[in-house]
PDB file of N, CA and C in Angstrom:
ATOM      1  N   UNK A   1     -20.932  17.940 -19.778  1.00  0.00           N
ATOM      2  CA  UNK A   1     -21.689  17.193 -18.792  1.00  0.00           C
ATOM      3  C   UNK A   1     -20.720  16.627 -17.753  1.00  0.00           C
ATOM      4  N   UNK A   2     -20.962  16.897 -16.479  1.00  0.00           N
ATOM      5  CA  UNK A   2     -20.039  16.399 -15.446  1.00  0.00           C
ATOM      6  C   UNK A   2     -20.131  14.882 -15.309  1.00  0.00           C
ATOM      7  N   UNK A   3     -19.038  14.301 -14.818  1.00  0.00           N
ATOM      8  CA  UNK A   3     -19.021  12.868 -14.577  1.00  0.00           C
ATOM      9  C   UNK A   3     -19.931  12.544 -13.405  1.00  0.00           C
ATOM     10  N   UNK A   4     -20.675  11.464 -13.529  1.00  0.00           N
ATOM     11  CA  UNK A   4     -21.590  11.049 -12.478  1.00  0.00           C
ATOM     12  C   UNK A   4     -21.034   9.797 -11.816  1.00  0.00           C
ATOM     13  N   UNK A   5     -20.457   9.977 -10.638  1.00  0.00           N
ATOM     14  CA  UNK A   5     -19.919   8.855  -9.888  1.00  0.00           C
ATOM     15  C   UNK A   5     -20.955   8.378  -8.887  1.00  0.00           C
ATOM     16  N   UNK A   6     -21.141   7.071  -8.826  1.00  0.00           N
ATOM     17  CA  UNK A   6     -22.056   6.498  -7.861  1.00  0.00           C
ATOM     18  C   UNK A   6     -21.425   6.488  -6.482  1.00  0.00           C
ATOM     19  N   UNK A   7     -22.221   6.120  -5.505  1.00  0.00           N
ATOM     20  CA  UNK A   7     -21.747   6.111  -4.130  1.00  0.00           C
ATOM     21  C   UNK A   7     -20.632   5.087  -3.940  1.00  0.00           C
ATOM     22  N   UNK A   8     -20.711   3.950  -4.637  1.00  0.00           N
ATOM     23  CA  UNK A   8     -19.672   2.927  -4.518  1.00  0.00           C
ATOM     24  C   UNK A   8     -18.349   3.460  -5.049  1.00  0.00           C
ATOM     25  N   UNK A   9     -18.394   4.160  -6.176  1.00  0.00           N
ATOM     26  CA  UNK A   9     -17.175   4.741  -6.745  1.00  0.00           C
ATOM     27  C   UNK A   9     -16.562   5.771  -5.809  1.00  0.00           C
ATOM     28  N   UNK A  10     -17.398   6.579  -5.177  1.00  0.00           N
ATOM     29  CA  UNK A  10     -16.887   7.582  -4.249  1.00  0.00           C
ATOM     30  C   UNK A  10     -16.242   6.936  -3.031  1.00  0.00           C
ATOM     31  N   UNK A  11     -16.865   5.906  -2.504  1.00  0.00           N
ATOM     32  CA  UNK A  11     -16.306   5.205  -1.344  1.00  0.00           C
ATOM     33  C   UNK A  11     -14.993   4.544  -1.716  1.00  0.00           C
ATOM     34  N   UNK A  12     -14.947   3.884  -2.866  1.00  0.00           N
ATOM     35  CA  UNK A  12     -13.712   3.221  -3.300  1.00  0.00           C
ATOM     36  C   UNK A  12     -12.597   4.236  -3.535  1.00  0.00           C
ATOM     37  N   UNK A  13     -12.938   5.399  -4.086  1.00  0.00           N
ATOM     38  CA  UNK A  13     -11.931   6.442  -4.300  1.00  0.00           C
ATOM     39  C   UNK A  13     -11.368   6.929  -2.963  1.00  0.00           C
ATOM     40  N   UNK A  14     -12.242   7.125  -1.989  1.00  0.00           N
ATOM     41  CA  UNK A  14     -11.775   7.575  -0.673  1.00  0.00           C
ATOM     42  C   UNK A  14     -10.910   6.512  -0.001  1.00  0.00           C
ATOM     43  N   UNK A  15     -11.308   5.252  -0.120  1.00  0.00           N
ATOM     44  CA  UNK A  15     -10.492   4.170   0.435  1.00  0.00           C
ATOM     45  C   UNK A  15      -9.138   4.095  -0.254  1.00  0.00           C
ATOM     46  N   UNK A  16      -9.120   4.310  -1.563  1.00  0.00           N
ATOM     47  CA  UNK A  16      -7.864   4.313  -2.308  1.00  0.00           C
ATOM     48  C   UNK A  16      -6.956   5.446  -1.838  1.00  0.00           C
ATOM     49  N   UNK A  17      -7.524   6.610  -1.570  1.00  0.00           N
ATOM     50  CA  UNK A  17      -6.711   7.737  -1.097  1.00  0.00           C
ATOM     51  C   UNK A  17      -6.161   7.468   0.296  1.00  0.00           C
ATOM     52  N   UNK A  18      -6.970   6.895   1.174  1.00  0.00           N
ATOM     53  CA  UNK A  18      -6.500   6.559   2.530  1.00  0.00           C
ATOM     54  C   UNK A  18      -5.396   5.509   2.448  1.00  0.00           C
ATOM     55  N   UNK A  19      -5.591   4.502   1.611  1.00  0.00           N
ATOM     56  CA  UNK A  19      -4.582   3.456   1.451  1.00  0.00           C
ATOM     57  C   UNK A  19      -3.297   4.024   0.848  1.00  0.00           C
ATOM     58  N   UNK A  20      -3.419   4.971  -0.069  1.00  0.00           N
ATOM     59  CA  UNK A  20      -2.241   5.591  -0.675  1.00  0.00           C
ATOM     60  C   UNK A  20      -1.447   6.370   0.370  1.00  0.00           C
ATOM     61  N   UNK A  21      -2.125   7.092   1.226  1.00  0.00           N
ATOM     62  CA  UNK A  21      -1.443   7.810   2.309  1.00  0.00           C
ATOM     63  C   UNK A  21      -0.773   6.816   3.257  1.00  0.00           C
ATOM     64  N   UNK A  22      -1.453   5.691   3.542  1.00  0.00           N
ATOM     65  CA  UNK A  22      -0.864   4.669   4.405  1.00  0.00           C
ATOM     66  C   UNK A  22       0.390   4.068   3.775  1.00  0.00           C
ATOM     67  N   UNK A  23       0.365   3.849   2.463  1.00  0.00           N
ATOM     68  CA  UNK A  23       1.546   3.325   1.775  1.00  0.00           C
ATOM     69  C   UNK A  23       2.677   4.345   1.832  1.00  0.00           C
ATOM     70  N   UNK A  24       2.366   5.613   1.649  1.00  0.00           N
ATOM     71  CA  UNK A  24       3.379   6.668   1.727  1.00  0.00           C
ATOM     72  C   UNK A  24       4.037   6.684   3.105  1.00  0.00           C
ATOM     73  N   UNK A  25       3.223   6.657   4.158  1.00  0.00           N
ATOM     74  CA  UNK A  25       3.765   6.684   5.521  1.00  0.00           C
ATOM     75  C   UNK A  25       4.553   5.405   5.805  1.00  0.00           C
ATOM     76  N   UNK A  26       4.015   4.265   5.378  1.00  0.00           N
ATOM     77  CA  UNK A  26       4.725   3.005   5.577  1.00  0.00           C
ATOM     78  C   UNK A  26       6.062   2.974   4.865  1.00  0.00           C
ATOM     79  N   UNK A  27       6.107   3.516   3.655  1.00  0.00           N
ATOM     80  CA  UNK A  27       7.375   3.530   2.920  1.00  0.00           C
ATOM     81  C   UNK A  27       8.354   4.533   3.524  1.00  0.00           C
ATOM     82  N   UNK A  28       7.858   5.639   4.047  1.00  0.00           N
ATOM     83  CA  UNK A  28       8.759   6.562   4.747  1.00  0.00           C
ATOM     84  C   UNK A  28       9.401   5.875   5.951  1.00  0.00           C
ATOM     85  N   UNK A  29       8.604   5.119   6.693  1.00  0.00           N
ATOM     86  CA  UNK A  29       9.149   4.377   7.836  1.00  0.00           C
ATOM     87  C   UNK A  29      10.141   3.323   7.360  1.00  0.00           C
ATOM     88  N   UNK A  30       9.783   2.617   6.284  1.00  0.00           N
ATOM     89  CA  UNK A  30      10.701   1.612   5.735  1.00  0.00           C
ATOM     90  C   UNK A  30      12.001   2.260   5.271  1.00  0.00           C
ATOM     91  N   UNK A  31      11.922   3.452   4.699  1.00  0.00           N
ATOM     92  CA  UNK A  31      13.121   4.161   4.264  1.00  0.00           C
ATOM     93  C   UNK A  31      13.995   4.555   5.448  1.00  0.00           C
ATOM     94  N   UNK A  32      13.375   4.882   6.573  1.00  0.00           N
ATOM     95  CA  UNK A  32      14.155   5.238   7.748  1.00  0.00           C
ATOM     96  C   UNK A  32      14.853   4.016   8.341  1.00  0.00           C
ATOM     97  N   UNK A  33      14.207   2.855   8.235  1.00  0.00           N
ATOM     98  CA  UNK A  33      14.787   1.632   8.796  1.00  0.00           C
ATOM     99  C   UNK A  33      15.875   1.069   7.897  1.00  0.00           C
ATOM    100  N   UNK A  34      15.590   0.976   6.601  1.00  0.00           N
ATOM    101  CA  UNK A  34      16.526   0.322   5.677  1.00  0.00           C
ATOM    102  C   UNK A  34      16.484   1.041   4.337  1.00  0.00           C
ATOM    103  N   UNK A  35      17.486   1.894   4.077  1.00  0.00           N
ATOM    104  CA  UNK A  35      17.498   2.650   2.823  1.00  0.00           C
ATOM    105  C   UNK A  35      18.701   2.301   1.960  1.00  0.00           C
ATOM    106  N   UNK A  36      19.594   1.460   2.429  1.00  0.00           N
ATOM    107  CA  UNK A  36      20.808   1.179   1.680  1.00  0.00           C
ATOM    108  C   UNK A  36      20.572   0.210   0.526  1.00  0.00           C
ATOM    109  N   UNK A  37      19.556  -0.641   0.635  1.00  0.00           N
ATOM    110  CA  UNK A  37      19.342  -1.708  -0.322  1.00  0.00           C
ATOM    111  C   UNK A  37      17.896  -1.679  -0.805  1.00  0.00           C
ATOM    112  N   UNK A  38      17.683  -1.679  -2.106  1.00  0.00           N
ATOM    113  CA  UNK A  38      16.329  -1.608  -2.653  1.00  0.00           C
ATOM    114  C   UNK A  38      15.483  -2.817  -2.268  1.00  0.00           C
ATOM    115  N   UNK A  39      16.082  -3.997  -2.317  1.00  0.00           N
ATOM    116  CA  UNK A  39      15.354  -5.218  -1.996  1.00  0.00           C
ATOM    117  C   UNK A  39      14.935  -5.225  -0.528  1.00  0.00           C
ATOM    118  N   UNK A  40      15.865  -4.936   0.368  1.00  0.00           N
ATOM    119  CA  UNK A  40      15.549  -4.941   1.803  1.00  0.00           C
ATOM    120  C   UNK A  40      14.544  -3.852   2.160  1.00  0.00           C
ATOM    121  N   UNK A  41      14.611  -2.730   1.463  1.00  0.00           N
ATOM    122  CA  UNK A  41      13.637  -1.665   1.688  1.00  0.00           C
ATOM    123  C   UNK A  41      12.239  -2.164   1.348  1.00  0.00           C
ATOM    124  N   UNK A  42      12.100  -2.897   0.252  1.00  0.00           N
ATOM    125  CA  UNK A  42      10.801  -3.448  -0.138  1.00  0.00           C
ATOM    126  C   UNK A  42      10.344  -4.514   0.853  1.00  0.00           C
ATOM    127  N   UNK A  43      11.284  -5.310   1.361  1.00  0.00           N
ATOM    128  CA  UNK A  43      10.939  -6.327   2.366  1.00  0.00           C
ATOM    129  C   UNK A  43      10.433  -5.662   3.641  1.00  0.00           C
ATOM    130  N   UNK A  44      11.097  -4.593   4.071  1.00  0.00           N
ATOM    131  CA  UNK A  44      10.665  -3.877   5.279  1.00  0.00           C
ATOM    132  C   UNK A  44       9.272  -3.286   5.079  1.00  0.00           C
ATOM    133  N   UNK A  45       8.997  -2.732   3.894  1.00  0.00           N
ATOM    134  CA  UNK A  45       7.656  -2.213   3.613  1.00  0.00           C
ATOM    135  C   UNK A  45       6.618  -3.330   3.665  1.00  0.00           C
ATOM    136  N   UNK A  46       6.961  -4.506   3.138  1.00  0.00           N
ATOM    137  CA  UNK A  46       6.036  -5.643   3.170  1.00  0.00           C
ATOM    138  C   UNK A  46       5.739  -6.064   4.611  1.00  0.00           C
ATOM    139  N   UNK A  47       6.752  -6.089   5.443  1.00  0.00           N
ATOM    140  CA  UNK A  47       6.560  -6.464   6.850  1.00  0.00           C
ATOM    141  C   UNK A  47       5.703  -5.417   7.558  1.00  0.00           C
ATOM    142  N   UNK A  48       5.974  -4.146   7.300  1.00  0.00           N
ATOM    143  CA  UNK A  48       5.182  -3.073   7.915  1.00  0.00           C
ATOM    144  C   UNK A  48       3.724  -3.191   7.490  1.00  0.00           C
ATOM    145  N   UNK A  49       3.477  -3.466   6.214  1.00  0.00           N
ATOM    146  CA  UNK A  49       2.104  -3.598   5.719  1.00  0.00           C
ATOM    147  C   UNK A  49       1.397  -4.783   6.363  1.00  0.00           C
ATOM    148  N   UNK A  50       2.085  -5.918   6.471  1.00  0.00           N
ATOM    149  CA  UNK A  50       1.473  -7.101   7.079  1.00  0.00           C
ATOM    150  C   UNK A  50       1.168  -6.873   8.555  1.00  0.00           C
ATOM    151  N   UNK A  51       2.085  -6.255   9.261  1.00  0.00           N
ATOM    152  CA  UNK A  51       1.859  -5.959  10.684  1.00  0.00           C
ATOM    153  C   UNK A  51       0.702  -4.977  10.845  1.00  0.00           C
ATOM    154  N   UNK A  52       0.595  -4.005   9.957  1.00  0.00           N
ATOM    155  CA  UNK A  52      -0.510  -3.044  10.022  1.00  0.00           C
ATOM    156  C   UNK A  52      -1.853  -3.741   9.827  1.00  0.00           C
ATOM    157  N   UNK A  53      -1.921  -4.671   8.879  1.00  0.00           N
ATOM    158  CA  UNK A  53      -3.166  -5.420   8.663  1.00  0.00           C
ATOM    159  C   UNK A  53      -3.513  -6.249   9.903  1.00  0.00           C
ATOM    160  N   UNK A  54      -2.516  -6.912  10.469  1.00  0.00           N
ATOM    161  CA  UNK A  54      -2.766  -7.724  11.661  1.00  0.00           C
ATOM    162  C   UNK A  54      -3.220  -6.867  12.834  1.00  0.00           C
ATOM    163  N   UNK A  55      -2.548  -5.747  13.064  1.00  0.00           N
ATOM    164  CA  UNK A  55      -2.932  -4.873  14.172  1.00  0.00           C
ATOM    165  C   UNK A  55      -4.326  -4.292  13.976  1.00  0.00           C
ATOM    166  N   UNK A  56      -4.614  -3.856  12.760  1.00  0.00           N
ATOM    167  CA  UNK A  56      -5.943  -3.309  12.485  1.00  0.00           C
ATOM    168  C   UNK A  56      -7.007  -4.380  12.675  1.00  0.00           C
ATOM    169  N   UNK A  57      -6.745  -5.566  12.155  1.00  0.00           N
ATOM    170  CA  UNK A  57      -7.731  -6.636  12.259  1.00  0.00           C
ATOM    171  C   UNK A  57      -7.981  -7.085  13.679  1.00  0.00           C
ATOM    172  N   UNK A  58      -6.934  -7.157  14.484  1.00  0.00           N
ATOM    173  CA  UNK A  58      -7.085  -7.637  15.853  1.00  0.00           C
ATOM    174  C   UNK A  58      -7.702  -6.578  16.755  1.00  0.00           C
ATOM    175  N   UNK A  59      -7.210  -5.333  16.677  1.00  0.00           N
ATOM    176  CA  UNK A  59      -7.644  -4.315  17.630  1.00  0.00           C
ATOM    177  C   UNK A  59      -8.847  -3.507  17.181  1.00  0.00           C
ATOM    178  N   UNK A  60      -9.028  -3.307  15.893  1.00  0.00           N
ATOM    179  CA  UNK A  60     -10.155  -2.496  15.424  1.00  0.00           C
ATOM    180  C   UNK A  60     -11.318  -3.381  14.993  1.00  0.00           C
ATOM    181  N   UNK A  61     -11.025  -4.390  14.193  1.00  0.00           N
ATOM    182  CA  UNK A  61     -12.079  -5.255  13.663  1.00  0.00           C
ATOM    183  C   UNK A  61     -12.367  -6.450  14.569  1.00  0.00           C
ATOM    184  N   UNK A  62     -11.532  -6.656  15.597  1.00  0.00           N
ATOM    185  CA  UNK A  62     -11.685  -7.711  16.594  1.00  0.00           C
ATOM    186  C   UNK A  62     -11.788  -9.102  15.971  1.00  0.00           C
ATOM    187  N   UNK A  63     -10.855  -9.399  15.079  1.00  0.00           N
ATOM    188  CA  UNK A  63     -10.785 -10.719  14.449  1.00  0.00           C
ATOM    189  C   UNK A  63      -9.643 -11.510  15.061  1.00  0.00           C
ATOM    190  N   UNK A  64      -9.720 -12.826  14.888  1.00  0.00           N
ATOM    191  CA  UNK A  64      -8.630 -13.686  15.340  1.00  0.00           C
ATOM    192  C   UNK A  64      -7.474 -13.605  14.341  1.00  0.00           C
ATOM    193  N   UNK A  65      -6.272 -13.785  14.845  1.00  0.00           N
ATOM    194  CA  UNK A  65      -5.099 -13.721  13.970  1.00  0.00           C
ATOM    195  C   UNK A  65      -5.172 -14.788  12.875  1.00  0.00           C
ATOM    196  N   UNK A  66      -5.754 -15.942  13.175  1.00  0.00           N
ATOM    197  CA  UNK A  66      -5.858 -16.993  12.164  1.00  0.00           C
ATOM    198  C   UNK A  66      -6.737 -16.568  10.989  1.00  0.00           C
ATOM    199  N   UNK A  67      -7.723 -15.707  11.237  1.00  0.00           N
ATOM    200  CA  UNK A  67      -8.566 -15.195  10.152  1.00  0.00           C
ATOM    201  C   UNK A  67      -7.839 -14.156   9.305  1.00  0.00           C
ATOM    202  N   UNK A  68      -6.775 -13.591   9.834  1.00  0.00           N
ATOM    203  CA  UNK A  68      -6.074 -12.502   9.153  1.00  0.00           C
ATOM    204  C   UNK A  68      -4.803 -12.952   8.454  1.00  0.00           C
ATOM    205  N   UNK A  69      -4.478 -14.228   8.510  1.00  0.00           N
ATOM    206  CA  UNK A  69      -3.222 -14.698   7.928  1.00  0.00           C
ATOM    207  C   UNK A  69      -3.184 -14.472   6.420  1.00  0.00           C
ATOM    208  N   UNK A  70      -4.232 -14.858   5.711  1.00  0.00           N
ATOM    209  CA  UNK A  70      -4.246 -14.709   4.258  1.00  0.00           C
ATOM    210  C   UNK A  70      -4.288 -13.240   3.834  1.00  0.00           C
ATOM    211  N   UNK A  71      -5.153 -12.387   4.405  1.00  0.00           N
ATOM    212  CA  UNK A  71      -5.106 -10.977   4.024  1.00  0.00           C
ATOM    213  C   UNK A  71      -3.750 -10.329   4.312  1.00  0.00           C
ATOM    214  N   UNK A  72      -3.127 -10.689   5.426  1.00  0.00           N
ATOM    215  CA  UNK A  72      -1.815 -10.123   5.750  1.00  0.00           C
ATOM    216  C   UNK A  72      -0.761 -10.578   4.751  1.00  0.00           C
ATOM    217  N   UNK A  73      -0.838 -11.830   4.325  1.00  0.00           N
ATOM    218  CA  UNK A  73       0.108 -12.336   3.325  1.00  0.00           C
ATOM    219  C   UNK A  73      -0.084 -11.641   1.983  1.00  0.00           C
ATOM    220  N   UNK A  74      -1.328 -11.458   1.574  1.00  0.00           N
ATOM    221  CA  UNK A  74      -1.605 -10.775   0.309  1.00  0.00           C
ATOM    222  C   UNK A  74      -1.111  -9.337   0.351  1.00  0.00           C
ATOM    223  N   UNK A  75      -1.377  -8.646   1.449  1.00  0.00           N
ATOM    224  CA  UNK A  75      -0.920  -7.260   1.586  1.00  0.00           C
ATOM    225  C   UNK A  75       0.602  -7.189   1.608  1.00  0.00           C
ATOM    226  N   UNK A  76       1.242  -8.160   2.247  1.00  0.00           N
ATOM    227  CA  UNK A  76       2.708  -8.177   2.279  1.00  0.00           C
ATOM    228  C   UNK A  76       3.285  -8.366   0.882  1.00  0.00           C
ATOM    229  N   UNK A  77       2.709  -9.271   0.105  1.00  0.00           N
ATOM    230  CA  UNK A  77       3.205  -9.495  -1.263  1.00  0.00           C
ATOM    231  C   UNK A  77       2.979  -8.255  -2.117  1.00  0.00           C
ATOM    232  N   UNK A  78       1.789  -7.669  -2.038  1.00  0.00           N
ATOM    233  CA  UNK A  78       1.526  -6.448  -2.805  1.00  0.00           C
ATOM    234  C   UNK A  78       2.414  -5.293  -2.337  1.00  0.00           C
ATOM    235  N   UNK A  79       2.626  -5.197  -1.034  1.00  0.00           N
ATOM    236  CA  UNK A  79       3.511  -4.156  -0.507  1.00  0.00           C
ATOM    237  C   UNK A  79       4.933  -4.320  -1.018  1.00  0.00           C
ATOM    238  N   UNK A  80       5.396  -5.565  -1.078  1.00  0.00           N
ATOM    239  CA  UNK A  80       6.736  -5.813  -1.605  1.00  0.00           C
ATOM    240  C   UNK A  80       6.828  -5.409  -3.072  1.00  0.00           C
ATOM    241  N   UNK A  81       5.847  -5.809  -3.866  1.00  0.00           N
ATOM    242  CA  UNK A  81       5.874  -5.488  -5.303  1.00  0.00           C
ATOM    243  C   UNK A  81       5.845  -3.985  -5.518  1.00  0.00           C
ATOM    244  N   UNK A  82       4.941  -3.301  -4.850  1.00  0.00           N
ATOM    245  CA  UNK A  82       4.839  -1.847  -5.004  1.00  0.00           C
ATOM    246  C   UNK A  82       6.103  -1.168  -4.486  1.00  0.00           C
ATOM    247  N   UNK A  83       6.609  -1.618  -3.350  1.00  0.00           N
ATOM    248  CA  UNK A  83       7.826  -1.028  -2.798  1.00  0.00           C
ATOM    249  C   UNK A  83       9.026  -1.221  -3.708  1.00  0.00           C
ATOM    250  N   UNK A  84       9.134  -2.406  -4.283  1.00  0.00           N
ATOM    251  CA  UNK A  84      10.270  -2.676  -5.173  1.00  0.00           C
ATOM    252  C   UNK A  84      10.158  -1.858  -6.461  1.00  0.00           C
ATOM    253  N   UNK A  85       8.951  -1.750  -7.013  1.00  0.00           N
ATOM    254  CA  UNK A  85       8.771  -0.911  -8.206  1.00  0.00           C
ATOM    255  C   UNK A  85       9.101   0.547  -7.902  1.00  0.00           C
ATOM    256  N   UNK A  86       8.625   1.039  -6.766  1.00  0.00           N
ATOM    257  CA  UNK A  86       8.943   2.416  -6.375  1.00  0.00           C
ATOM    258  C   UNK A  86      10.432   2.628  -6.173  1.00  0.00           C
ATOM    259  N   UNK A  87      11.109   1.620  -5.619  1.00  0.00           N
ATOM    260  CA  UNK A  87      12.556   1.714  -5.423  1.00  0.00           C
ATOM    261  C   UNK A  87      13.304   1.707  -6.748  1.00  0.00           C
ATOM    262  N   UNK A  88      12.803   0.978  -7.721  1.00  0.00           N
ATOM    263  CA  UNK A  88      13.459   0.940  -9.031  1.00  0.00           C
ATOM    264  C   UNK A  88      13.304   2.266  -9.773  1.00  0.00           C
ATOM    265  N   UNK A  89      12.183   2.922  -9.564  1.00  0.00           N
ATOM    266  CA  UNK A  89      11.931   4.183 -10.274  1.00  0.00           C
ATOM    267  C   UNK A  89      12.702   5.334  -9.646  1.00  0.00           C
ATOM    268  N   UNK A  90      12.638   5.465  -8.319  1.00  0.00           N
ATOM    269  CA  UNK A  90      13.285   6.591  -7.639  1.00  0.00           C
ATOM    270  C   UNK A  90      13.911   6.095  -6.344  1.00  0.00           C
ATOM    271  N   UNK A  91      15.229   6.126  -6.264  1.00  0.00           N
ATOM    272  CA  UNK A  91      15.884   5.612  -5.060  1.00  0.00           C
ATOM    273  C   UNK A  91      16.840   6.618  -4.434  1.00  0.00           C
ATOM    274  N   UNK A  92      16.976   7.800  -4.987  1.00  0.00           N
ATOM    275  CA  UNK A  92      17.964   8.745  -4.501  1.00  0.00           C
ATOM    276  C   UNK A  92      17.594   9.459  -3.211  1.00  0.00           C
ATOM    277  N   UNK A  93      16.324   9.741  -3.015  1.00  0.00           N
ATOM    278  CA  UNK A  93      15.860  10.546  -1.897  1.00  0.00           C
ATOM    279  C   UNK A  93      14.758   9.772  -1.169  1.00  0.00           C
ATOM    280  N   UNK A  94      14.790   9.730   0.140  1.00  0.00           N
ATOM    281  CA  UNK A  94      13.812   8.951   0.905  1.00  0.00           C
ATOM    282  C   UNK A  94      12.391   9.457   0.710  1.00  0.00           C
ATOM    283  N   UNK A  95      12.205  10.768   0.747  1.00  0.00           N
ATOM    284  CA  UNK A  95      10.868  11.340   0.600  1.00  0.00           C
ATOM    285  C   UNK A  95      10.329  11.104  -0.802  1.00  0.00           C
ATOM    286  N   UNK A  96      11.145  11.386  -1.816  1.00  0.00           N
ATOM    287  CA  UNK A  96      10.730  11.187  -3.200  1.00  0.00           C
ATOM    288  C   UNK A  96      10.447   9.710  -3.459  1.00  0.00           C
ATOM    289  N   UNK A  97      11.263   8.828  -2.881  1.00  0.00           N
ATOM    290  CA  UNK A  97      11.041   7.398  -3.024  1.00  0.00           C
ATOM    291  C   UNK A  97       9.688   6.991  -2.448  1.00  0.00           C
ATOM    292  N   UNK A  98       9.361   7.489  -1.275  1.00  0.00           N
ATOM    293  CA  UNK A  98       8.065   7.170  -0.661  1.00  0.00           C
ATOM    294  C   UNK A  98       6.923   7.749  -1.488  1.00  0.00           C
ATOM    295  N   UNK A  99       7.108   8.942  -2.027  1.00  0.00           N
ATOM    296  CA  UNK A  99       6.086   9.568  -2.868  1.00  0.00           C
ATOM    297  C   UNK A  99       5.859   8.765  -4.144  1.00  0.00           C
ATOM    298  N   UNK A 100       6.938   8.351  -4.790  1.00  0.00           N
ATOM    299  CA  UNK A 100       6.820   7.550  -6.011  1.00  0.00           C
ATOM    300  C   UNK A 100       6.171   6.204  -5.712  1.00  0.00           C
ATOM    301  N   UNK A 101       6.540   5.585  -4.605  1.00  0.00           N
ATOM    302  CA  UNK A 101       5.928   4.311  -4.226  1.00  0.00           C
ATOM    303  C   UNK A 101       4.427   4.476  -4.016  1.00  0.00           C
ATOM    304  N   UNK A 102       4.013   5.554  -3.362  1.00  0.00           N
ATOM    305  CA  UNK A 102       2.585   5.807  -3.156  1.00  0.00           C
ATOM    306  C   UNK A 102       1.872   6.053  -4.481  1.00  0.00           C
ATOM    307  N   UNK A 103       2.519   6.759  -5.403  1.00  0.00           N
ATOM    308  CA  UNK A 103       1.914   7.004  -6.720  1.00  0.00           C
ATOM    309  C   UNK A 103       1.783   5.697  -7.494  1.00  0.00           C
ATOM    310  N   UNK A 104       2.814   4.857  -7.450  1.00  0.00           N
ATOM    311  CA  UNK A 104       2.741   3.549  -8.112  1.00  0.00           C
ATOM    312  C   UNK A 104       1.587   2.740  -7.525  1.00  0.00           C
ATOM    313  N   UNK A 105       1.453   2.749  -6.204  1.00  0.00           N
ATOM    314  CA  UNK A 105       0.355   2.036  -5.555  1.00  0.00           C
ATOM    315  C   UNK A 105      -0.994   2.583  -6.022  1.00  0.00           C
ATOM    316  N   UNK A 106      -1.139   3.903  -6.040  1.00  0.00           N
ATOM    317  CA  UNK A 106      -2.413   4.502  -6.434  1.00  0.00           C
ATOM    318  C   UNK A 106      -2.765   4.157  -7.877  1.00  0.00           C
ATOM    319  N   UNK A 107      -1.780   4.218  -8.764  1.00  0.00           N
ATOM    320  CA  UNK A 107      -2.041   3.908 -10.175  1.00  0.00           C
ATOM    321  C   UNK A 107      -2.419   2.440 -10.346  1.00  0.00           C
ATOM    322  N   UNK A 108      -1.636   1.544  -9.768  1.00  0.00           N
ATOM    323  CA  UNK A 108      -1.937   0.119  -9.908  1.00  0.00           C
ATOM    324  C   UNK A 108      -3.281  -0.245  -9.264  1.00  0.00           C
ATOM    325  N   UNK A 109      -3.572   0.326  -8.109  1.00  0.00           N
ATOM    326  CA  UNK A 109      -4.851   0.046  -7.453  1.00  0.00           C
ATOM    327  C   UNK A 109      -6.011   0.636  -8.239  1.00  0.00           C
ATOM    328  N   UNK A 110      -5.832   1.835  -8.769  1.00  0.00           N
ATOM    329  CA  UNK A 110      -6.871   2.452  -9.588  1.00  0.00           C
ATOM    330  C   UNK A 110      -7.152   1.658 -10.844  1.00  0.00           C
ATOM    331  N   UNK A 111      -6.102   1.193 -11.498  1.00  0.00           N
ATOM    332  CA  UNK A 111      -6.283   0.357 -12.692  1.00  0.00           C
ATOM    333  C   UNK A 111      -6.968  -0.948 -12.317  1.00  0.00           C
ATOM    334  N   UNK A 112      -6.547  -1.545 -11.208  1.00  0.00           N
ATOM    335  CA  UNK A 112      -7.183  -2.779 -10.759  1.00  0.00           C
ATOM    336  C   UNK A 112      -8.658  -2.580 -10.446  1.00  0.00           C
ATOM    337  N   UNK A 113      -8.993  -1.476  -9.800  1.00  0.00           N
ATOM    338  CA  UNK A 113     -10.400  -1.183  -9.504  1.00  0.00           C
ATOM    339  C   UNK A 113     -11.179  -0.964 -10.782  1.00  0.00           C
ATOM    340  N   UNK A 114     -10.594  -0.233 -11.721  1.00  0.00           N
ATOM    341  CA  UNK A 114     -11.270   0.040 -12.994  1.00  0.00           C
ATOM    342  C   UNK A 114     -11.531  -1.259 -13.765  1.00  0.00           C
ATOM    343  N   UNK A 115     -10.516  -2.120 -13.818  1.00  0.00           N
ATOM    344  CA  UNK A 115     -10.669  -3.388 -14.540  1.00  0.00           C
ATOM    345  C   UNK A 115     -11.716  -4.270 -13.868  1.00  0.00           C
ATOM    346  N   UNK A 116     -11.769  -4.243 -12.539  1.00  0.00           N
ATOM    347  CA  UNK A 116     -12.725  -5.088 -11.832  1.00  0.00           C
ATOM    348  C   UNK A 116     -14.164  -4.620 -12.020  1.00  0.00           C
ATOM    349  N   UNK A 117     -14.375  -3.380 -12.429  1.00  0.00           N
ATOM    350  CA  UNK A 117     -15.736  -2.875 -12.628  1.00  0.00           C
ATOM    351  C   UNK A 117     -16.205  -3.020 -14.059  1.00  0.00           C
ATOM    352  N   UNK A 118     -15.350  -3.491 -14.941  1.00  0.00           N
ATOM    353  CA  UNK A 118     -15.768  -3.649 -16.351  1.00  0.00           C
ATOM    354  C   UNK A 118     -16.722  -4.801 -16.518  1.00  0.00           C
TER     355      UNK A 118
END
């Protein structure tokens, strides 16, 4: 019997895939800016993630920056954690590092989504 996913599950899965690709691209950019130090690489990814949230919120969603401060901070902290974990697992190659960081993000986000639906 095939798995029956509801519309909410399908939408969340698609959002997770888009976010995973965004994390991959963000980490590739962070690797190009700062690849010598694992900590600084994670900090750069956190800054890129926070700036992306602010830009998206201001220009696409047309929100005030004051409304976006908390979401940007949360995304920056999560970006730092995911970036640092990805850097600890694979740090030799920029592409592989970004791929591992995106996989770590997808797994942690998927587990978080699964736990939140229980």
